[in-house]
Amino acid sequence: MDNDTNKLIENLSIIASDPALKSSSRLLILIILYINKKMSFTDLLHSTMMGKGSLSNHIDKMKEEGLITTKNVFRLSGPGIMIEITGKGENIYQNYIDIINKLSSNGSEKIIKKSDDKSPFKL
């Protein structure tokens, strides 16, 4: 593996070790919010197919890490919570996607070729 690929994997590891993103559910929330910028709790609940308690816990953790903000809103249908991605959340998402794109465009062939020894995780 070349130095560029090693550096990309190291950077991906740093992003993945962020406590707010150690869960695939939180990464899903981040991706959905990056695409939509902000969503109501109910819409995010339907998009993620999580339970209310689970989604609420993930939102709290991401909010603590500064990846999202929440705001109480009043709508015709009643009170609700609006969740919005922050600049920090957008930056983390963009860095994650950039690394994945670079790995898939310049490193995937090397990773696939080196995995011939029966181990799916061998690089």
PDB file of N, CA and C in Angstrom:
ATOM      1  N   MET A   1       0.850  -1.171   0.000  1.00  0.00           N
ATOM      2  CA  MET A   1       0.000   0.000   0.000  1.00  0.00           C
ATOM      3  C   MET A   1       0.899   1.238   0.000  1.00  0.00           C
ATOM      4  N   ASP A   2       0.572   2.230  -0.810  1.00  0.00           N
ATOM      5  CA  ASP A   2       1.410   3.422  -0.874  1.00  0.00           C
ATOM      6  C   ASP A   2       1.119   4.378   0.279  1.00  0.00           C
ATOM      7  N   ASN A   3       1.972   5.390   0.431  1.00  0.00           N
ATOM      8  CA  ASN A   3       1.849   6.337   1.542  1.00  0.00           C
ATOM      9  C   ASN A   3       0.547   7.117   1.505  1.00  0.00           C
ATOM     10  N   ASP A   4       0.080   7.485   0.297  1.00  0.00           N
ATOM     11  CA  ASP A   4      -1.173   8.238   0.183  1.00  0.00           C
ATOM     12  C   ASP A   4      -2.352   7.412   0.708  1.00  0.00           C
ATOM     13  N   THR A   5      -2.395   6.143   0.344  1.00  0.00           N
ATOM     14  CA  THR A   5      -3.476   5.276   0.800  1.00  0.00           C
ATOM     15  C   THR A   5      -3.405   5.087   2.314  1.00  0.00           C
ATOM     16  N   ASN A   6      -2.201   4.893   2.830  1.00  0.00           N
ATOM     17  CA  ASN A   6      -2.040   4.769   4.282  1.00  0.00           C
ATOM     18  C   ASN A   6      -2.528   6.013   5.003  1.00  0.00           C
ATOM     19  N   LYS A   7      -2.208   7.175   4.467  1.00  0.00           N
ATOM     20  CA  LYS A   7      -2.633   8.436   5.084  1.00  0.00           C
ATOM     21  C   LYS A   7      -4.154   8.575   5.039  1.00  0.00           C
ATOM     22  N   LEU A   8      -4.762   8.191   3.928  1.00  0.00           N
ATOM     23  CA  LEU A   8      -6.213   8.254   3.810  1.00  0.00           C
ATOM     24  C   LEU A   8      -6.884   7.331   4.834  1.00  0.00           C
ATOM     25  N   ILE A   9      -6.353   6.132   4.975  1.00  0.00           N
ATOM     26  CA  ILE A   9      -6.915   5.182   5.938  1.00  0.00           C
ATOM     27  C   ILE A   9      -6.723   5.702   7.362  1.00  0.00           C
ATOM     28  N   GLU A  10      -5.585   6.306   7.617  1.00  0.00           N
ATOM     29  CA  GLU A  10      -5.341   6.899   8.939  1.00  0.00           C
ATOM     30  C   GLU A  10      -6.346   8.018   9.222  1.00  0.00           C
ATOM     31  N   ASN A  11      -6.589   8.877   8.235  1.00  0.00           N
ATOM     32  CA  ASN A  11      -7.561   9.959   8.404  1.00  0.00           C
ATOM     33  C   ASN A  11      -8.979   9.421   8.594  1.00  0.00           C
ATOM     34  N   LEU A  12      -9.314   8.372   7.871  1.00  0.00           N
ATOM     35  CA  LEU A  12     -10.632   7.748   8.020  1.00  0.00           C
ATOM     36  C   LEU A  12     -10.776   7.161   9.427  1.00  0.00           C
ATOM     37  N   SER A  13      -9.708   6.578   9.922  1.00  0.00           N
ATOM     38  CA  SER A  13      -9.712   6.014  11.273  1.00  0.00           C
ATOM     39  C   SER A  13      -9.928   7.100  12.324  1.00  0.00           C
ATOM     40  N   ILE A  14      -9.338   8.255  12.113  1.00  0.00           N
ATOM     41  CA  ILE A  14      -9.512   9.383  13.039  1.00  0.00           C
ATOM     42  C   ILE A  14     -10.973   9.827  13.059  1.00  0.00           C
ATOM     43  N   ILE A  15     -11.571   9.955  11.885  1.00  0.00           N
ATOM     44  CA  ILE A  15     -12.978  10.355  11.806  1.00  0.00           C
ATOM     45  C   ILE A  15     -13.859   9.295  12.470  1.00  0.00           C
ATOM     46  N   ALA A  16     -13.571   8.029  12.182  1.00  0.00           N
ATOM     47  CA  ALA A  16     -14.396   6.943  12.722  1.00  0.00           C
ATOM     48  C   ALA A  16     -14.253   6.798  14.237  1.00  0.00           C
ATOM     49  N   SER A  17     -13.156   7.297  14.797  1.00  0.00           N
ATOM     50  CA  SER A  17     -12.964   7.181  16.244  1.00  0.00           C
ATOM     51  C   SER A  17     -13.643   8.310  17.010  1.00  0.00           C
ATOM     52  N   ASP A  18     -14.205   9.273  16.297  1.00  0.00           N
ATOM     53  CA  ASP A  18     -14.958  10.352  16.943  1.00  0.00           C
ATOM     54  C   ASP A  18     -16.117   9.721  17.705  1.00  0.00           C
ATOM     55  N   PRO A  19     -16.232  10.003  19.006  1.00  0.00           N
ATOM     56  CA  PRO A  19     -17.302   9.379  19.801  1.00  0.00           C
ATOM     57  C   PRO A  19     -18.697   9.594  19.224  1.00  0.00           C
ATOM     58  N   ALA A  20     -18.904  10.708  18.569  1.00  0.00           N
ATOM     59  CA  ALA A  20     -20.226  11.000  18.014  1.00  0.00           C
ATOM     60  C   ALA A  20     -20.525  10.174  16.772  1.00  0.00           C
ATOM     61  N   LEU A  21     -19.499   9.571  16.166  1.00  0.00           N
ATOM     62  CA  LEU A  21     -19.723   8.806  14.941  1.00  0.00           C
ATOM     63  C   LEU A  21     -19.374   7.330  15.087  1.00  0.00           C
ATOM     64  N   LYS A  22     -19.189   6.867  16.296  1.00  0.00           N
ATOM     65  CA  LYS A  22     -18.857   5.452  16.498  1.00  0.00           C
ATOM     66  C   LYS A  22     -20.025   4.538  16.165  1.00  0.00           C
ATOM     67  N   SER A  23     -21.166   5.102  15.965  1.00  0.00           N
ATOM     68  CA  SER A  23     -22.362   4.329  15.646  1.00  0.00           C
ATOM     69  C   SER A  23     -22.735   4.563  14.184  1.00  0.00           C
ATOM     70  N   SER A  24     -23.065   3.486  13.493  1.00  0.00           N
ATOM     71  CA  SER A  24     -23.504   3.632  12.103  1.00  0.00           C
ATOM     72  C   SER A  24     -24.813   4.415  12.034  1.00  0.00           C
ATOM     73  N   SER A  25     -25.599   4.361  13.089  1.00  0.00           N
ATOM     74  CA  SER A  25     -26.846   5.125  13.121  1.00  0.00           C
ATOM     75  C   SER A  25     -26.562   6.624  13.113  1.00  0.00           C
ATOM     76  N   ARG A  26     -25.542   7.044  13.841  1.00  0.00           N
ATOM     77  CA  ARG A  26     -25.194   8.466  13.862  1.00  0.00           C
ATOM     78  C   ARG A  26     -24.637   8.914  12.523  1.00  0.00           C
ATOM     79  N   LEU A  27     -23.886   8.046  11.876  1.00  0.00           N
ATOM     80  CA  LEU A  27     -23.390   8.381  10.543  1.00  0.00           C
ATOM     81  C   LEU A  27     -24.565   8.533   9.579  1.00  0.00           C
ATOM     82  N   LEU A  28     -25.555   7.663   9.702  1.00  0.00           N
ATOM     83  CA  LEU A  28     -26.760   7.769   8.874  1.00  0.00           C
ATOM     84  C   LEU A  28     -27.472   9.096   9.126  1.00  0.00           C
ATOM     85  N   ILE A  29     -27.618   9.472  10.390  1.00  0.00           N
ATOM     86  CA  ILE A  29     -28.256  10.749  10.727  1.00  0.00           C
ATOM     87  C   ILE A  29     -27.483  11.902  10.119  1.00  0.00           C
ATOM     88  N   LEU A  30     -26.152  11.845  10.216  1.00  0.00           N
ATOM     89  CA  LEU A  30     -25.315  12.911   9.661  1.00  0.00           C
ATOM     90  C   LEU A  30     -25.499  13.016   8.145  1.00  0.00           C
ATOM     91  N   ILE A  31     -25.534  11.883   7.468  1.00  0.00           N
ATOM     92  CA  ILE A  31     -25.710  11.879   6.008  1.00  0.00           C
ATOM     93  C   ILE A  31     -27.074  12.457   5.639  1.00  0.00           C
ATOM     94  N   ILE A  32     -28.117  12.022   6.322  1.00  0.00           N
ATOM     95  CA  ILE A  32     -29.471  12.507   6.032  1.00  0.00           C
ATOM     96  C   ILE A  32     -29.556  14.021   6.261  1.00  0.00           C
ATOM     97  N   LEU A  33     -28.964  14.487   7.364  1.00  0.00           N
ATOM     98  CA  LEU A  33     -29.019  15.920   7.650  1.00  0.00           C
ATOM     99  C   LEU A  33     -28.142  16.721   6.700  1.00  0.00           C
ATOM    100  N   TYR A  34     -27.043  16.146   6.244  1.00  0.00           N
ATOM    101  CA  TYR A  34     -26.210  16.850   5.269  1.00  0.00           C
ATOM    102  C   TYR A  34     -27.003  17.075   3.979  1.00  0.00           C
ATOM    103  N   ILE A  35     -27.729  16.071   3.570  1.00  0.00           N
ATOM    104  CA  ILE A  35     -28.511  16.163   2.336  1.00  0.00           C
ATOM    105  C   ILE A  35     -29.674  17.138   2.500  1.00  0.00           C
ATOM    106  N   ASN A  36     -30.350  17.107   3.653  1.00  0.00           N
ATOM    107  CA  ASN A  36     -31.559  17.905   3.863  1.00  0.00           C
ATOM    108  C   ASN A  36     -31.331  19.207   4.622  1.00  0.00           C
ATOM    109  N   LYS A  37     -30.163  19.366   5.226  1.00  0.00           N
ATOM    110  CA  LYS A  37     -29.781  20.527   6.048  1.00  0.00           C
ATOM    111  C   LYS A  37     -30.514  20.562   7.388  1.00  0.00           C
ATOM    112  N   LYS A  38     -31.828  20.461   7.381  1.00  0.00           N
ATOM    113  CA  LYS A  38     -32.575  20.375   8.641  1.00  0.00           C
ATOM    114  C   LYS A  38     -33.847  19.577   8.412  1.00  0.00           C
ATOM    115  N   MET A  39     -34.277  18.922   9.497  1.00  0.00           N
ATOM    116  CA  MET A  39     -35.471  18.086   9.430  1.00  0.00           C
ATOM    117  C   MET A  39     -36.158  18.096  10.782  1.00  0.00           C
ATOM    118  N   SER A  40     -37.434  17.830  10.770  1.00  0.00           N
ATOM    119  CA  SER A  40     -38.150  17.670  12.034  1.00  0.00           C
ATOM    120  C   SER A  40     -37.773  16.315  12.632  1.00  0.00           C
ATOM    121  N   PHE A  41     -37.953  16.187  13.934  1.00  0.00           N
ATOM    122  CA  PHE A  41     -37.681  14.925  14.613  1.00  0.00           C
ATOM    123  C   PHE A  41     -38.497  13.803  13.976  1.00  0.00           C
ATOM    124  N   THR A  42     -39.759  14.082  13.692  1.00  0.00           N
ATOM    125  CA  THR A  42     -40.648  13.075  13.110  1.00  0.00           C
ATOM    126  C   THR A  42     -40.170  12.623  11.737  1.00  0.00           C
ATOM    127  N   ASP A  43     -39.764  13.578  10.894  1.00  0.00           N
ATOM    128  CA  ASP A  43     -39.262  13.220   9.560  1.00  0.00           C
ATOM    129  C   ASP A  43     -37.978  12.403   9.658  1.00  0.00           C
ATOM    130  N   LEU A  44     -37.101  12.794  10.585  1.00  0.00           N
ATOM    131  CA  LEU A  44     -35.850  12.054  10.781  1.00  0.00           C
ATOM    132  C   LEU A  44     -36.144  10.660  11.336  1.00  0.00           C
ATOM    133  N   LEU A  45     -37.139  10.560  12.178  1.00  0.00           N
ATOM    134  CA  LEU A  45     -37.566   9.280  12.735  1.00  0.00           C
ATOM    135  C   LEU A  45     -38.002   8.335  11.616  1.00  0.00           C
ATOM    136  N   HIS A  46     -38.784   8.853  10.680  1.00  0.00           N
ATOM    137  CA  HIS A  46     -39.253   8.037   9.549  1.00  0.00           C
ATOM    138  C   HIS A  46     -38.104   7.695   8.602  1.00  0.00           C
ATOM    139  N   SER A  47     -37.194   8.643   8.383  1.00  0.00           N
ATOM    140  CA  SER A  47     -36.079   8.413   7.460  1.00  0.00           C
ATOM    141  C   SER A  47     -35.102   7.366   7.987  1.00  0.00           C
ATOM    142  N   THR A  48     -34.873   7.363   9.291  1.00  0.00           N
ATOM    143  CA  THR A  48     -33.899   6.441   9.873  1.00  0.00           C
ATOM    144  C   THR A  48     -34.517   5.109  10.292  1.00  0.00           C
ATOM    145  N   MET A  49     -35.830   5.078  10.437  1.00  0.00           N
ATOM    146  CA  MET A  49     -36.559   3.896  10.900  1.00  0.00           C
ATOM    147  C   MET A  49     -36.087   3.433  12.283  1.00  0.00           C
ATOM    148  N   MET A  50     -35.675   4.377  13.129  1.00  0.00           N
ATOM    149  CA  MET A  50     -35.267   4.076  14.497  1.00  0.00           C
ATOM    150  C   MET A  50     -36.456   4.280  15.426  1.00  0.00           C
ATOM    151  N   GLY A  51     -36.309   3.804  16.632  1.00  0.00           N
ATOM    152  CA  GLY A  51     -37.297   4.091  17.658  1.00  0.00           C
ATOM    153  C   GLY A  51     -37.075   5.500  18.195  1.00  0.00           C
ATOM    154  N   LYS A  52     -38.104   6.055  18.823  1.00  0.00           N
ATOM    155  CA  LYS A  52     -38.009   7.424  19.349  1.00  0.00           C
ATOM    156  C   LYS A  52     -36.882   7.575  20.361  1.00  0.00           C
ATOM    157  N   GLY A  53     -36.784   6.643  21.294  1.00  0.00           N
ATOM    158  CA  GLY A  53     -35.759   6.719  22.328  1.00  0.00           C
ATOM    159  C   GLY A  53     -34.357   6.611  21.759  1.00  0.00           C
ATOM    160  N   SER A  54     -34.187   5.708  20.824  1.00  0.00           N
ATOM    161  CA  SER A  54     -32.888   5.508  20.193  1.00  0.00           C
ATOM    162  C   SER A  54     -32.464   6.763  19.424  1.00  0.00           C
ATOM    163  N   LEU A  55     -33.374   7.296  18.613  1.00  0.00           N
ATOM    164  CA  LEU A  55     -33.065   8.506  17.854  1.00  0.00           C
ATOM    165  C   LEU A  55     -32.763   9.661  18.793  1.00  0.00           C
ATOM    166  N   SER A  56     -33.536   9.794  19.835  1.00  0.00           N
ATOM    167  CA  SER A  56     -33.319  10.864  20.799  1.00  0.00           C
ATOM    168  C   SER A  56     -31.939  10.767  21.446  1.00  0.00           C
ATOM    169  N   ASN A  57     -31.518   9.553  21.810  1.00  0.00           N
ATOM    170  CA  ASN A  57     -30.186   9.360  22.392  1.00  0.00           C
ATOM    171  C   ASN A  57     -29.081   9.720  21.409  1.00  0.00           C
ATOM    172  N   HIS A  58     -29.231   9.306  20.155  1.00  0.00           N
ATOM    173  CA  HIS A  58     -28.230   9.626  19.139  1.00  0.00           C
ATOM    174  C   HIS A  58     -28.160  11.144  18.912  1.00  0.00           C
ATOM    175  N   ILE A  59     -29.305  11.783  18.872  1.00  0.00           N
ATOM    176  CA  ILE A  59     -29.349  13.238  18.692  1.00  0.00           C
ATOM    177  C   ILE A  59     -28.648  13.941  19.851  1.00  0.00           C
ATOM    178  N   ASP A  60     -28.908  13.489  21.072  1.00  0.00           N
ATOM    179  CA  ASP A  60     -28.255  14.093  22.239  1.00  0.00           C
ATOM    180  C   ASP A  60     -26.743  13.996  22.147  1.00  0.00           C
ATOM    181  N   LYS A  61     -26.235  12.825  21.758  1.00  0.00           N
ATOM    182  CA  LYS A  61     -24.787  12.623  21.652  1.00  0.00           C
ATOM    183  C   LYS A  61     -24.198  13.518  20.560  1.00  0.00           C
ATOM    184  N   MET A  62     -24.866  13.584  19.422  1.00  0.00           N
ATOM    185  CA  MET A  62     -24.366  14.403  18.307  1.00  0.00           C
ATOM    186  C   MET A  62     -24.432  15.886  18.656  1.00  0.00           C
ATOM    187  N   LYS A  63     -25.444  16.264  19.413  1.00  0.00           N
ATOM    188  CA  LYS A  63     -25.583  17.655  19.856  1.00  0.00           C
ATOM    189  C   LYS A  63     -24.446  18.019  20.817  1.00  0.00           C
ATOM    190  N   GLU A  64     -24.124  17.111  21.742  1.00  0.00           N
ATOM    191  CA  GLU A  64     -23.016  17.327  22.674  1.00  0.00           C
ATOM    192  C   GLU A  64     -21.691  17.537  21.945  1.00  0.00           C
ATOM    193  N   GLU A  65     -21.519  16.837  20.829  1.00  0.00           N
ATOM    194  CA  GLU A  65     -20.282  16.934  20.051  1.00  0.00           C
ATOM    195  C   GLU A  65     -20.295  18.111  19.068  1.00  0.00           C
ATOM    196  N   GLY A  66     -21.412  18.836  19.008  1.00  0.00           N
ATOM    197  CA  GLY A  66     -21.488  20.011  18.146  1.00  0.00           C
ATOM    198  C   GLY A  66     -21.734  19.725  16.678  1.00  0.00           C
ATOM    199  N   LEU A  67     -22.228  18.520  16.368  1.00  0.00           N
ATOM    200  CA  LEU A  67     -22.486  18.158  14.976  1.00  0.00           C
ATOM    201  C   LEU A  67     -23.855  18.618  14.494  1.00  0.00           C
ATOM    202  N   ILE A  68     -24.783  18.776  15.437  1.00  0.00           N
ATOM    203  CA  ILE A  68     -26.143  19.202  15.106  1.00  0.00           C
ATOM    204  C   ILE A  68     -26.646  20.163  16.178  1.00  0.00           C
ATOM    205  N   THR A  69     -27.704  20.870  15.841  1.00  0.00           N
ATOM    206  CA  THR A  69     -28.408  21.694  16.818  1.00  0.00           C
ATOM    207  C   THR A  69     -29.879  21.298  16.783  1.00  0.00           C
ATOM    208  N   THR A  70     -30.565  21.554  17.882  1.00  0.00           N
ATOM    209  CA  THR A  70     -32.002  21.307  17.924  1.00  0.00           C
ATOM    210  C   THR A  70     -32.706  22.589  18.344  1.00  0.00           C
ATOM    211  N   LYS A  71     -33.924  22.710  17.889  1.00  0.00           N
ATOM    212  CA  LYS A  71     -34.707  23.906  18.189  1.00  0.00           C
ATOM    213  C   LYS A  71     -36.166  23.496  18.348  1.00  0.00           C
ATOM    214  N   ASN A  72     -36.792  23.959  19.417  1.00  0.00           N
ATOM    215  CA  ASN A  72     -38.225  23.721  19.596  1.00  0.00           C
ATOM    216  C   ASN A  72     -38.987  24.651  18.665  1.00  0.00           C
ATOM    217  N   VAL A  73     -39.919  24.094  17.925  1.00  0.00           N
ATOM    218  CA  VAL A  73     -40.702  24.881  16.970  1.00  0.00           C
ATOM    219  C   VAL A  73     -42.185  24.621  17.188  1.00  0.00           C
ATOM    220  N   PHE A  74     -42.977  25.573  16.775  1.00  0.00           N
ATOM    221  CA  PHE A  74     -44.434  25.428  16.831  1.00  0.00           C
ATOM    222  C   PHE A  74     -44.963  25.457  15.410  1.00  0.00           C
ATOM    223  N   ARG A  75     -45.711  24.411  15.067  1.00  0.00           N
ATOM    224  CA  ARG A  75     -46.286  24.286  13.728  1.00  0.00           C
ATOM    225  C   ARG A  75     -47.797  24.165  13.863  1.00  0.00           C
ATOM    226  N   LEU A  76     -48.469  24.181  12.767  1.00  0.00           N
ATOM    227  CA  LEU A  76     -49.925  24.024  12.798  1.00  0.00           C
ATOM    228  C   LEU A  76     -50.325  22.697  13.436  1.00  0.00           C
ATOM    229  N   SER A  77     -49.494  21.682  13.242  1.00  0.00           N
ATOM    230  CA  SER A  77     -49.803  20.364  13.799  1.00  0.00           C
ATOM    231  C   SER A  77     -49.396  20.237  15.264  1.00  0.00           C
ATOM    232  N   GLY A  78     -48.778  21.263  15.813  1.00  0.00           N
ATOM    233  CA  GLY A  78     -48.383  21.248  17.217  1.00  0.00           C
ATOM    234  C   GLY A  78     -46.890  21.465  17.380  1.00  0.00           C
ATOM    235  N   PRO A  79     -46.421  21.417  18.628  1.00  0.00           N
ATOM    236  CA  PRO A  79     -44.995  21.641  18.870  1.00  0.00           C
ATOM    237  C   PRO A  79     -44.146  20.490  18.326  1.00  0.00           C
ATOM    238  N   GLY A  80     -42.927  20.821  18.012  1.00  0.00           N
ATOM    239  CA  GLY A  80     -42.016  19.807  17.493  1.00  0.00           C
ATOM    240  C   GLY A  80     -40.580  20.226  17.702  1.00  0.00           C
ATOM    241  N   ILE A  81     -39.680  19.382  17.237  1.00  0.00           N
ATOM    242  CA  ILE A  81     -38.249  19.659  17.331  1.00  0.00           C
ATOM    243  C   ILE A  81     -37.669  19.653  15.931  1.00  0.00           C
ATOM    244  N   MET A  82     -36.908  20.706  15.612  1.00  0.00           N
ATOM    245  CA  MET A  82     -36.216  20.792  14.335  1.00  0.00           C
ATOM    246  C   MET A  82     -34.744  20.497  14.598  1.00  0.00           C
ATOM    247  N   ILE A  83     -34.153  19.624  13.804  1.00  0.00           N
ATOM    248  CA  ILE A  83     -32.760  19.236  13.943  1.00  0.00           C
ATOM    249  C   ILE A  83     -32.015  19.726  12.708  1.00  0.00           C
ATOM    250  N   GLU A  84     -30.883  20.389  12.950  1.00  0.00           N
ATOM    251  CA  GLU A  84     -30.110  20.984  11.849  1.00  0.00           C
ATOM    252  C   GLU A  84     -28.646  20.612  11.997  1.00  0.00           C
ATOM    253  N   ILE A  85     -28.009  20.325  10.883  1.00  0.00           N
ATOM    254  CA  ILE A  85     -26.582  20.027  10.885  1.00  0.00           C
ATOM    255  C   ILE A  85     -25.802  21.332  11.059  1.00  0.00           C
ATOM    256  N   THR A  86     -24.703  21.269  11.790  1.00  0.00           N
ATOM    257  CA  THR A  86     -23.869  22.454  12.002  1.00  0.00           C
ATOM    258  C   THR A  86     -22.734  22.476  10.981  1.00  0.00           C
ATOM    259  N   GLY A  87     -21.985  23.555  10.979  1.00  0.00           N
ATOM    260  CA  GLY A  87     -20.806  23.639  10.114  1.00  0.00           C
ATOM    261  C   GLY A  87     -19.811  22.537  10.432  1.00  0.00           C
ATOM    262  N   LYS A  88     -19.634  22.245  11.706  1.00  0.00           N
ATOM    263  CA  LYS A  88     -18.734  21.162  12.112  1.00  0.00           C
ATOM    264  C   LYS A  88     -19.227  19.828  11.560  1.00  0.00           C
ATOM    265  N   GLY A  89     -20.530  19.587  11.648  1.00  0.00           N
ATOM    266  CA  GLY A  89     -21.105  18.357  11.113  1.00  0.00           C
ATOM    267  C   GLY A  89     -20.914  18.246   9.611  1.00  0.00           C
ATOM    268  N   GLU A  90     -21.119  19.360   8.904  1.00  0.00           N
ATOM    269  CA  GLU A  90     -20.917  19.373   7.452  1.00  0.00           C
ATOM    270  C   GLU A  90     -19.463  19.094   7.101  1.00  0.00           C
ATOM    271  N   ASN A  91     -18.529  19.680   7.857  1.00  0.00           N
ATOM    272  CA  ASN A  91     -17.108  19.458   7.592  1.00  0.00           C
ATOM    273  C   ASN A  91     -16.715  18.002   7.808  1.00  0.00           C
ATOM    274  N   ILE A  92     -17.208  17.405   8.884  1.00  0.00           N
ATOM    275  CA  ILE A  92     -16.894  16.003   9.149  1.00  0.00           C
ATOM    276  C   ILE A  92     -17.469  15.111   8.055  1.00  0.00           C
ATOM    277  N   TYR A  93     -18.700  15.387   7.648  1.00  0.00           N
ATOM    278  CA  TYR A  93     -19.308  14.610   6.564  1.00  0.00           C
ATOM    279  C   TYR A  93     -18.479  14.746   5.291  1.00  0.00           C
ATOM    280  N   GLN A  94     -18.125  15.961   4.938  1.00  0.00           N
ATOM    281  CA  GLN A  94     -17.382  16.194   3.692  1.00  0.00           C
ATOM    282  C   GLN A  94     -16.011  15.526   3.727  1.00  0.00           C
ATOM    283  N   ASN A  95     -15.329  15.599   4.867  1.00  0.00           N
ATOM    284  CA  ASN A  95     -14.033  14.919   5.000  1.00  0.00           C
ATOM    285  C   ASN A  95     -14.188  13.411   4.845  1.00  0.00           C
ATOM    286  N   TYR A  96     -15.221  12.859   5.454  1.00  0.00           N
ATOM    287  CA  TYR A  96     -15.500  11.424   5.365  1.00  0.00           C
ATOM    288  C   TYR A  96     -15.729  11.014   3.909  1.00  0.00           C
ATOM    289  N   ILE A  97     -16.574  11.750   3.222  1.00  0.00           N
ATOM    290  CA  ILE A  97     -16.884  11.432   1.824  1.00  0.00           C
ATOM    291  C   ILE A  97     -15.660  11.613   0.935  1.00  0.00           C
ATOM    292  N   ASP A  98     -14.888  12.668   1.158  1.00  0.00           N
ATOM    293  CA  ASP A  98     -13.668  12.890   0.366  1.00  0.00           C
ATOM    294  C   ASP A  98     -12.706  11.718   0.505  1.00  0.00           C
ATOM    295  N   ILE A  99     -12.527  11.245   1.727  1.00  0.00           N
ATOM    296  CA  ILE A  99     -11.615  10.122   1.956  1.00  0.00           C
ATOM    297  C   ILE A  99     -12.136   8.864   1.274  1.00  0.00           C
ATOM    298  N   ILE A 100     -13.414   8.583   1.430  1.00  0.00           N
ATOM    299  CA  ILE A 100     -13.999   7.402   0.783  1.00  0.00           C
ATOM    300  C   ILE A 100     -13.845   7.491  -0.738  1.00  0.00           C
ATOM    301  N   ASN A 101     -14.125   8.651  -1.312  1.00  0.00           N
ATOM    302  CA  ASN A 101     -13.988   8.824  -2.763  1.00  0.00           C
ATOM    303  C   ASN A 101     -12.552   8.635  -3.226  1.00  0.00           C
ATOM    304  N   LYS A 102     -11.607   9.179  -2.472  1.00  0.00           N
ATOM    305  CA  LYS A 102     -10.191   9.025  -2.846  1.00  0.00           C
ATOM    306  C   LYS A 102      -9.752   7.575  -2.729  1.00  0.00           C
ATOM    307  N   LEU A 103     -10.187   6.906  -1.672  1.00  0.00           N
ATOM    308  CA  LEU A 103      -9.835   5.492  -1.527  1.00  0.00           C
ATOM    309  C   LEU A 103     -10.428   4.657  -2.650  1.00  0.00           C
ATOM    310  N   SER A 104     -11.665   4.944  -3.021  1.00  0.00           N
ATOM    311  CA  SER A 104     -12.297   4.136  -4.064  1.00  0.00           C
ATOM    312  C   SER A 104     -11.736   4.446  -5.439  1.00  0.00           C
ATOM    313  N   SER A 105     -11.274   5.666  -5.655  1.00  0.00           N
ATOM    314  CA  SER A 105     -10.755   6.008  -6.980  1.00  0.00           C
ATOM    315  C   SER A 105      -9.295   5.631  -7.170  1.00  0.00           C
ATOM    316  N   ASN A 106      -8.481   5.716  -6.119  1.00  0.00           N
ATOM    317  CA  ASN A 106      -7.067   5.418  -6.337  1.00  0.00           C
ATOM    318  C   ASN A 106      -6.541   4.243  -5.539  1.00  0.00           C
ATOM    319  N   GLY A 107      -7.317   3.714  -4.611  1.00  0.00           N
ATOM    320  CA  GLY A 107      -6.781   2.650  -3.789  1.00  0.00           C
ATOM    321  C   GLY A 107      -7.553   1.354  -3.823  1.00  0.00           C
ATOM    322  N   SER A 108      -8.745   1.362  -4.398  1.00  0.00           N
ATOM    323  CA  SER A 108      -9.583   0.165  -4.311  1.00  0.00           C
ATOM    324  C   SER A 108      -8.977  -1.019  -5.050  1.00  0.00           C
ATOM    325  N   GLU A 109      -8.333  -0.773  -6.176  1.00  0.00           N
ATOM    326  CA  GLU A 109      -7.742  -1.879  -6.916  1.00  0.00           C
ATOM    327  C   GLU A 109      -6.670  -2.556  -6.086  1.00  0.00           C
ATOM    328  N   LYS A 110      -5.857  -1.776  -5.397  1.00  0.00           N
ATOM    329  CA  LYS A 110      -4.795  -2.332  -4.561  1.00  0.00           C
ATOM    330  C   LYS A 110      -5.386  -3.123  -3.413  1.00  0.00           C
ATOM    331  N   ILE A 111      -6.427  -2.598  -2.795  1.00  0.00           N
ATOM    332  CA  ILE A 111      -7.043  -3.281  -1.664  1.00  0.00           C
ATOM    333  C   ILE A 111      -7.652  -4.596  -2.134  1.00  0.00           C
ATOM    334  N   ILE A 112      -8.326  -4.598  -3.262  1.00  0.00           N
ATOM    335  CA  ILE A 112      -8.952  -5.813  -3.782  1.00  0.00           C
ATOM    336  C   ILE A 112      -7.888  -6.839  -4.155  1.00  0.00           C
ATOM    337  N   LYS A 113      -6.842  -6.425  -4.827  1.00  0.00           N
ATOM    338  CA  LYS A 113      -5.797  -7.355  -5.246  1.00  0.00           C
ATOM    339  C   LYS A 113      -5.075  -7.977  -4.063  1.00  0.00           C
ATOM    340  N   LYS A 114      -4.909  -7.245  -2.985  1.00  0.00           N
ATOM    341  CA  LYS A 114      -4.177  -7.768  -1.838  1.00  0.00           C
ATOM    342  C   LYS A 114      -5.052  -8.615  -0.930  1.00  0.00           C
ATOM    343  N   SER A 115      -6.317  -8.719  -1.205  1.00  0.00           N
ATOM    344  CA  SER A 115      -7.197  -9.497  -0.328  1.00  0.00           C
ATOM    345  C   SER A 115      -7.383 -10.930  -0.834  1.00  0.00           C
ATOM    346  N   ASP A 116      -6.517 -11.382  -1.721  1.00  0.00           N
ATOM    347  CA  ASP A 116      -6.645 -12.714  -2.290  1.00  0.00           C
ATOM    348  C   ASP A 116      -6.298 -13.839  -1.328  1.00  0.00           C
ATOM    349  N   ASP A 117      -5.776 -13.536  -0.160  1.00  0.00           N
ATOM    350  CA  ASP A 117      -5.363 -14.595   0.752  1.00  0.00           C
ATOM    351  C   ASP A 117      -6.496 -15.030   1.677  1.00  0.00           C
ATOM    352  N   LYS A 118      -7.718 -14.940   1.245  1.00  0.00           N
ATOM    353  CA  LYS A 118      -8.913 -15.431   1.921  1.00  0.00           C
ATOM    354  C   LYS A 118      -9.408 -14.546   3.077  1.00  0.00           C
ATOM    355  N   SER A 119      -8.658 -13.553   3.489  1.00  0.00           N
ATOM    356  CA  SER A 119      -9.107 -12.674   4.558  1.00  0.00           C
ATOM    357  C   SER A 119      -9.767 -11.443   3.952  1.00  0.00           C
ATOM    358  N   PRO A 120     -11.057 -11.210   4.218  1.00  0.00           N
ATOM    359  CA  PRO A 120     -11.747 -10.077   3.604  1.00  0.00           C
ATOM    360  C   PRO A 120     -11.269  -8.728   4.164  1.00  0.00           C
ATOM    361  N   PHE A 121     -10.498  -8.738   5.259  1.00  0.00           N
ATOM    362  CA  PHE A 121     -10.065  -7.497   5.859  1.00  0.00           C
ATOM    363  C   PHE A 121      -8.590  -7.204   5.643  1.00  0.00           C
ATOM    364  N   LYS A 122      -7.920  -8.054   4.932  1.00  0.00           N
ATOM    365  CA  LYS A 122      -6.488  -7.882   4.695  1.00  0.00           C
ATOM    366  C   LYS A 122      -6.258  -6.789   3.678  1.00  0.00           C
ATOM    367  N   LEU A 123      -5.331  -5.883   3.975  1.00  0.00           N
ATOM    368  CA  LEU A 123      -4.996  -4.800   3.039  1.00  0.00           C
ATOM    369  C   LEU A 123      -3.668  -5.063   2.385  1.00  0.00           C
TER     370      LEU A 123
END
